[in-house]
Protein backbone atom coordinates (compact mmCIF):
# COMPACT_ATOMS: atom_id res chain seq x y z
CA MET A 1 0.00 0.00 0.00
CA GLU A 2 1.26 3.44 -0.87
CA SER A 3 1.50 5.50 2.33
CA VAL A 4 -0.32 8.65 1.29
CA LEU A 5 -1.79 10.95 3.90
CA GLY A 6 -3.63 14.20 3.45
CA SER A 7 -6.66 16.22 4.43
CA VAL A 8 -8.46 19.23 3.07
CA ARG A 9 -11.18 21.41 4.57
CA LEU A 10 -14.35 21.76 2.52
CA ASP A 11 -15.85 25.23 2.44
CA THR A 12 -16.98 26.21 -1.02
CA GLU A 13 -18.51 29.45 0.27
CA GLN A 14 -15.21 30.80 1.62
CA LEU A 15 -12.70 29.10 -0.65
CA GLY A 16 -14.69 28.78 -3.86
CA VAL A 17 -15.24 25.57 -5.76
CA GLN A 18 -12.09 25.84 -7.85
CA ALA A 19 -9.82 26.38 -4.84
CA PHE A 20 -11.43 23.41 -3.12
CA SER A 21 -11.02 21.28 -6.24
CA ASP A 22 -7.34 22.26 -6.53
CA ALA A 23 -6.73 21.48 -2.84
CA TRP A 24 -8.45 18.11 -3.28
CA GLY A 25 -6.21 17.27 -6.22
CA ALA A 26 -3.09 18.22 -4.27
CA ARG A 27 -3.94 16.57 -0.94
CA ILE A 28 -6.44 13.80 -1.68
CA GLY A 29 -6.13 12.65 -5.29
CA PRO A 30 -7.73 12.78 -8.72
CA ALA A 31 -11.07 11.15 -7.85
CA LEU A 32 -13.10 14.38 -7.54
CA PRO A 33 -15.55 14.73 -10.45
CA THR A 34 -15.24 17.68 -12.79
CA PHE A 35 -17.86 20.26 -11.86
CA GLY A 36 -19.50 22.39 -14.50
CA HIS A 37 -20.46 26.00 -13.86
CA GLU A 38 -24.18 25.25 -13.56
CA ALA A 39 -23.48 22.65 -10.89
CA THR A 40 -21.30 24.90 -8.75
CA ALA A 41 -22.97 28.31 -8.89
CA GLY A 42 -24.01 29.20 -5.35
CA VAL A 43 -23.22 25.77 -3.93
CA VAL A 44 -22.30 25.79 -0.22
CA VAL A 45 -20.65 22.62 1.11
CA ARG A 46 -18.57 22.39 4.29
CA GLY A 47 -16.68 19.52 5.84
CA LEU A 48 -13.42 17.59 5.86
CA ALA A 49 -11.91 15.11 3.42
CA SER A 50 -8.99 12.83 4.27
CA ARG A 51 -6.91 10.27 2.48
CA VAL A 52 -5.15 7.38 4.18
CA GLY A 53 -3.30 5.16 1.77
CA ASP A 54 -5.60 4.18 -1.08
CA SER A 55 -8.79 5.10 0.78
CA THR A 56 -10.69 8.35 1.30
CA ILE A 57 -13.10 9.61 3.97
CA THR A 58 -15.24 12.69 3.37
CA ASP A 59 -17.52 14.22 6.00
CA PHE A 60 -19.69 17.04 4.71
CA GLU A 61 -22.76 19.17 5.18
CA ALA A 62 -24.53 20.62 2.14
CA ALA A 63 -26.16 23.92 3.04
CA THR A 64 -27.60 24.16 -0.47
CA PRO A 65 -28.69 21.55 -3.02
CA VAL A 66 -25.80 20.00 -4.94
CA ARG A 67 -26.17 18.32 -8.32
CA VAL A 68 -23.44 17.06 -10.59
CA ASP A 69 -24.34 15.87 -14.09
CA THR A 70 -20.93 14.69 -15.19
CA SER A 71 -19.06 11.45 -15.47
CA LEU A 72 -17.81 10.14 -12.14
CA PRO A 73 -14.70 7.98 -11.95
CA ASP A 74 -15.69 4.55 -13.26
CA ASN A 75 -12.92 2.50 -11.67
CA GLY A 76 -14.98 -0.04 -9.74
CA GLU A 77 -14.12 1.67 -6.47
CA LEU A 78 -16.17 0.62 -3.47
CA ARG A 79 -18.27 3.50 -2.11
CA LEU A 80 -20.05 3.63 1.23
CA TYR A 81 -22.54 6.49 1.65
CA ILE A 82 -23.57 7.02 5.28
CA VAL A 83 -26.31 9.66 5.46
CA HIS A 84 -27.06 11.13 8.87
CA ARG A 85 -29.62 13.70 7.72
CA GLY A 86 -31.20 14.73 4.41
CA ARG A 87 -31.02 12.71 1.19
CA TYR A 88 -28.36 11.55 -1.27
CA ARG A 89 -29.37 10.31 -4.73
CA LEU A 90 -27.15 8.52 -7.23
CA ARG A 91 -28.06 7.59 -10.77
CA GLY A 92 -26.52 4.55 -12.40
CA GLU A 93 -26.83 2.59 -15.62
CA ARG A 94 -29.61 0.37 -14.29
CA ASP A 95 -31.47 2.43 -11.72
CA THR A 96 -31.49 5.38 -9.35
CA MET A 97 -30.40 4.82 -5.77
CA SER A 98 -31.68 7.11 -3.04
CA VAL A 99 -30.31 7.17 0.50
CA ALA A 100 -32.32 8.99 3.20
CA GLY A 101 -31.12 10.23 6.57
CA GLY A 102 -30.43 7.33 8.94
CA GLU A 103 -29.49 4.95 6.11
CA PHE A 104 -26.33 3.76 4.39
CA LEU A 105 -25.69 2.54 0.88
CA MET A 106 -22.71 0.52 -0.27
CA THR A 107 -22.20 0.24 -4.01
CA ARG A 108 -19.57 0.33 -6.75
CA SER A 109 -18.57 3.37 -8.77
CA THR A 110 -19.10 1.43 -12.00
CA GLY A 111 -21.91 2.93 -14.06
CA LEU A 112 -22.62 5.94 -11.83
CA SER A 113 -23.36 8.99 -13.97
CA ASP A 114 -24.47 11.71 -11.56
CA TYR A 115 -25.58 12.49 -8.06
CA ALA A 116 -27.82 14.97 -6.26
CA ILE A 117 -27.66 16.01 -2.61
CA ALA A 118 -30.56 17.73 -0.86
CA ALA A 119 -30.00 20.93 1.11
CA GLY A 120 -29.33 20.21 4.78
CA THR A 121 -27.77 16.82 4.09
CA THR A 122 -24.97 15.66 6.39
CA ALA A 123 -23.15 12.50 5.37
CA GLN A 124 -19.90 10.59 5.23
CA VAL A 125 -18.64 9.03 2.00
CA ILE A 126 -15.91 6.40 2.16
CA GLY A 127 -14.06 5.37 -0.98
CA LEU A 128 -11.97 2.21 -1.08
CA PRO A 129 -10.15 0.22 -3.77
CA ALA A 130 -12.21 -2.25 -5.78
CA GLU A 131 -10.48 -5.33 -4.39
CA VAL A 132 -11.92 -4.66 -0.92
CA ALA A 133 -15.17 -6.29 -2.04
CA GLY A 134 -13.38 -9.65 -2.19
CA VAL A 135 -15.77 -12.53 -2.73
CA PHE A 136 -18.63 -10.02 -2.98
CA ALA A 137 -17.10 -8.49 -6.10
CA ASP A 138 -20.31 -8.88 -8.11
CA PHE A 139 -22.72 -7.34 -5.63
CA ARG A 140 -24.78 -4.37 -6.85
CA GLN A 141 -25.68 -2.58 -3.64
CA ILE A 142 -26.21 -3.12 0.06
CA THR A 143 -28.34 -0.87 2.25
CA GLY A 144 -29.15 -0.70 5.94
CA PRO A 145 -29.58 1.56 8.97
CA VAL A 146 -26.83 3.85 10.21
CA THR A 147 -27.54 2.46 13.68
CA ALA A 148 -26.31 -1.01 12.67
CA ALA A 149 -23.55 -2.19 15.02
CA THR A 150 -21.04 -2.62 12.20
CA VAL A 151 -21.66 0.94 10.99
CA ARG A 152 -21.32 2.40 14.50
CA VAL A 153 -17.96 0.70 14.95
CA LEU A 154 -16.85 1.94 11.53
CA LEU A 155 -17.87 5.53 12.33
CA ALA A 156 -15.86 5.46 15.56
CA HIS A 157 -12.78 4.53 13.55
CA THR A 158 -13.28 7.08 10.76
CA ALA A 159 -13.75 9.82 13.39
CA ALA A 160 -10.39 8.85 14.90
CA ILE A 161 -8.73 8.96 11.47
CA GLN A 162 -10.24 12.36 10.64
CA SER A 163 -8.98 13.78 13.95
CA ASN A 164 -5.43 12.46 13.60
CA VAL A 165 -4.70 11.97 9.90
CA ASP A 166 -2.06 14.70 9.63
CA ASP A 167 -0.06 13.21 12.54
CA LEU A 168 -0.31 9.48 11.82
CA GLY A 169 2.96 8.84 10.02
CA ASP A 170 3.58 5.87 7.76
CA SER A 171 3.04 3.07 10.29
CA GLY A 172 -0.08 4.74 11.71
CA ALA A 173 -1.44 5.28 8.22
CA HIS A 174 -0.88 1.64 7.32
CA ALA A 175 -2.60 0.36 10.47
CA SER A 176 -5.49 2.83 10.18
CA ARG A 177 -6.08 1.99 6.54
CA ASN A 178 -6.07 -1.75 7.21
CA ALA A 179 -8.53 -1.39 10.08
CA LEU A 180 -10.74 0.78 7.86
CA ILE A 181 -10.74 -1.92 5.18
CA GLU A 182 -11.71 -4.65 7.65
CA LEU A 183 -14.46 -2.54 9.20
CA VAL A 184 -15.99 -1.82 5.81
CA ARG A 185 -15.81 -5.52 5.07
CA GLY A 186 -17.62 -6.00 8.36
CA VAL A 187 -20.47 -3.84 7.06
CA LEU A 188 -20.37 -5.73 3.77
CA HIS A 189 -20.60 -9.06 5.57
CA ALA A 190 -23.09 -7.64 8.11
CA ARG A 191 -20.83 -8.53 11.01
CA VAL A 192 -17.74 -7.38 12.88
CA ASP A 193 -14.91 -9.86 13.24
CA ALA A 194 -12.60 -8.56 15.95
CA THR A 195 -10.13 -11.38 15.32
CA GLU A 196 -8.92 -9.23 12.43
CA ALA A 197 -5.88 -7.15 13.32
CA GLY A 198 -6.63 -3.53 14.10
CA LEU A 199 -10.32 -3.85 15.04
CA ALA A 200 -9.93 -3.99 18.83
CA GLY A 201 -9.52 -0.21 19.16
CA PRO A 202 -12.64 0.84 17.22
CA LEU A 203 -14.76 -1.88 18.85
CA THR A 204 -13.59 -0.83 22.32
CA ARG A 205 -14.36 2.85 21.63
CA VAL A 206 -17.90 2.20 20.45
CA ALA A 207 -18.54 -0.27 23.31
CA ARG A 208 -17.40 2.31 25.85
CA ALA A 209 -19.63 4.96 24.30
CA LEU A 210 -22.61 2.61 24.41
CA ALA A 211 -21.86 1.64 28.01
CA ASP A 212 -21.72 5.33 28.99
CA GLN A 213 -25.24 5.78 27.61
CA LEU A 214 -26.54 2.85 29.67
CA LEU A 215 -24.81 3.36 33.04
CA THR A 216 -28.09 3.88 34.90
CA GLU A 217 -29.64 0.73 33.40
CA ARG A 218 -29.73 -2.27 35.76
CA GLU A 219 -29.32 -4.68 32.84
CA LEU A 220 -26.01 -3.18 31.68
CA ALA A 221 -23.43 -5.97 31.50
CA PRO A 222 -20.79 -7.23 29.05
CA ALA A 223 -23.29 -9.64 27.48
CA LEU A 224 -25.77 -6.82 26.84
CA LEU A 225 -23.10 -4.71 25.13
CA ALA A 226 -21.97 -7.63 22.99
CA GLY A 227 -25.55 -8.28 21.91
CA ARG A 228 -26.22 -4.64 21.07
CA LEU A 229 -23.01 -4.44 19.02
CA GLY A 230 -23.59 -7.69 17.17
CA VAL A 231 -20.41 -9.42 18.35
CA SER A 232 -19.77 -12.43 20.55
CA LEU A 233 -19.01 -11.93 24.24
CA ARG A 234 -15.61 -13.50 23.67
CA THR A 235 -14.90 -11.01 20.88
CA LEU A 236 -15.79 -8.09 23.15
CA HIS A 237 -13.61 -9.37 26.00
CA ARG A 238 -10.73 -9.92 23.58
CA ALA A 239 -11.01 -6.33 22.31
CA PHE A 240 -10.92 -4.93 25.86
CA ALA A 241 -7.96 -7.12 26.81
CA SER A 242 -5.65 -4.82 24.86
CA THR A 243 -6.65 -1.88 27.12
CA GLY A 244 -5.70 -3.59 30.39
CA GLU A 245 -9.25 -3.12 31.72
CA THR A 246 -12.07 -5.65 31.49
CA VAL A 247 -15.54 -4.70 30.24
CA GLY A 248 -16.99 -5.14 33.72
CA ALA A 249 -14.22 -3.05 35.28
CA TYR A 250 -14.90 -0.23 32.83
CA ILE A 251 -18.61 -0.21 33.71
CA ARG A 252 -17.84 -0.16 37.49
CA ARG A 253 -15.28 2.61 37.10
CA ARG A 254 -17.58 4.82 35.06
CA ARG A 255 -20.44 4.32 37.52
CA LEU A 256 -18.16 5.27 40.41
CA GLU A 257 -16.99 8.37 38.55
CA GLN A 258 -20.56 9.49 37.94
CA ALA A 259 -21.55 8.73 41.55
CA ARG A 260 -18.59 10.77 42.83
CA ARG A 261 -19.72 13.71 40.70
CA ALA A 262 -23.21 13.40 42.18
CA LEU A 263 -21.75 13.58 45.71
CA THR A 264 -20.58 17.14 45.04
CA SER A 265 -23.72 18.34 43.27
CA PRO A 266 -25.80 21.08 44.92
CA SER A 267 -28.82 18.79 45.19
CA HIS A 268 -29.63 17.09 48.50
CA THR A 269 -29.60 13.52 47.15
CA THR A 270 -28.75 10.90 49.77
CA ILE A 271 -26.00 8.31 49.47
CA ALA A 272 -28.62 5.58 49.22
CA GLU A 273 -30.33 7.39 46.31
CA ILE A 274 -27.01 7.89 44.51
CA ALA A 275 -26.15 4.20 45.01
CA ALA A 276 -29.51 3.14 43.57
CA HIS A 277 -29.34 5.56 40.64
CA TRP A 278 -25.93 4.26 39.54
CA GLN A 279 -27.00 0.63 40.03
CA PHE A 280 -25.02 -0.38 43.12
CA ALA A 281 -26.74 -3.15 45.10
CA ASP A 282 -27.13 -0.94 48.17
CA SER A 283 -25.41 1.92 50.00
CA SER A 284 -23.06 -0.45 51.84
CA HIS A 285 -21.89 -2.03 48.58
CA PHE A 286 -21.47 1.43 47.07
CA ALA A 287 -19.45 2.61 50.09
CA ARG A 288 -17.11 -0.39 49.91
CA ALA A 289 -16.55 0.01 46.16
CA PHE A 290 -16.03 3.76 46.54
CA ARG A 291 -13.50 3.31 49.34
CA ARG A 292 -11.54 0.69 47.40
CA HIS A 293 -11.36 2.97 44.37
CA TYR A 294 -10.87 6.39 45.99
CA GLY A 295 -9.46 5.60 49.43
CA GLN A 296 -12.28 7.19 51.44
CA THR A 297 -15.99 6.78 52.08
CA PRO A 298 -18.63 8.58 50.00
CA SER A 299 -19.74 10.64 53.01
CA GLY A 300 -16.15 11.60 53.80
CA PHE A 301 -15.56 12.65 50.20
CA ALA A 302 -18.72 14.79 50.24
CA ARG A 303 -17.71 16.48 53.51
CA ASP A 304 -14.23 17.22 52.14
CA HIS A 305 -15.91 19.05 49.25
CA ASP A 306 -18.28 21.04 51.48
CA HIS A 307 -21.28 18.96 50.47
CA PRO A 308 -22.28 16.96 53.54
CA ILE A 309 -24.86 14.41 52.47
CA GLY A 310 -27.23 12.10 54.29
CA ALA A 311 -27.07 8.34 54.34
C-alpha cells in the first residue's frame, strides 16, 4: 500500500469551488468529479476530506442543493454512503439509488453517472479500492440503517482517522487503513470480526460509548453490550484485553466516577439514592466500592468538598 496521507477542509462558500477542487487534487487525489459552472454556482458545502493510503473519507454538510451531471470515476471503487440527515441520490446505468437520513448505501462506482444532494444533508462518504469487495465483487448494492452495530464501529474509527490523519505517520497510516478496510468488510458481511488485526480499538471505543449511555440501566453488562453491538461476548472481552481493563471493570469505574460527581452536586440527594441511581446493590456495597477505588468513604468525600450528604 502506498503511504499517502492528506486532508483538506471543505468550504466552497469561503474558498470557492475551484480552490477546493485544486486542494483536493493536491492533498487527496484525482477522484473528484469535474464540476460544470451550472453545478457549482451558489453551492455551499462544508466539511473535511482525508486520504489514508488508497482510501478516502469525506464528511460534509450541504447547506444548499448539490447536483453534478458529469461522469464520475468509473474504476470499480467501493463506495459507502452514510447519510445522517437529508437525502443523497445517485443515478446509475440500471437504476437510481436514493439514501435517506439514517441509512447507508454501499455500491460500486461502476456505471454511476451523476448524483444529487438535498439541502441540509450531512453525510460521510468512504471510498476504497475495488479489491476490498473480495468474494462479494459482483454485488450491486447493500443498504441498511446507520444504527447497525457494524456501521457504529466503523464511524468510531473514521472519526479517529479524521482527527489524527495529519499526525499518523507511515506506520499509523498503514494500520489505520487496514482497520478501515476490515471494518468496511464487516459492514459488507453484516458482522464485525474482531479477530482481524486492528479492530480492537474501534470496537472498544464504540462499546465504551454505548456503556456510557446505559450506566443507569440495571441490565447493563458485558453480554448486553456484545448483543447490542452484534459481536460475541468472547470477541468483546478480547477487544478490551488490549486496554488492560475488562468490560466489567470499565462499567464499574464509570459508575463510580458518575456517583462521585453526584456527591458534590448542589442537590440534597442521599447516598442511598445515589447508590440506587448508579446501580449499586445498596449503600453499603457502594461505600465499599467507593473506598476501594478512591481511598475514602462517599460521606467523607462529600464532607471534604463542602457537600455533607445524608445516608
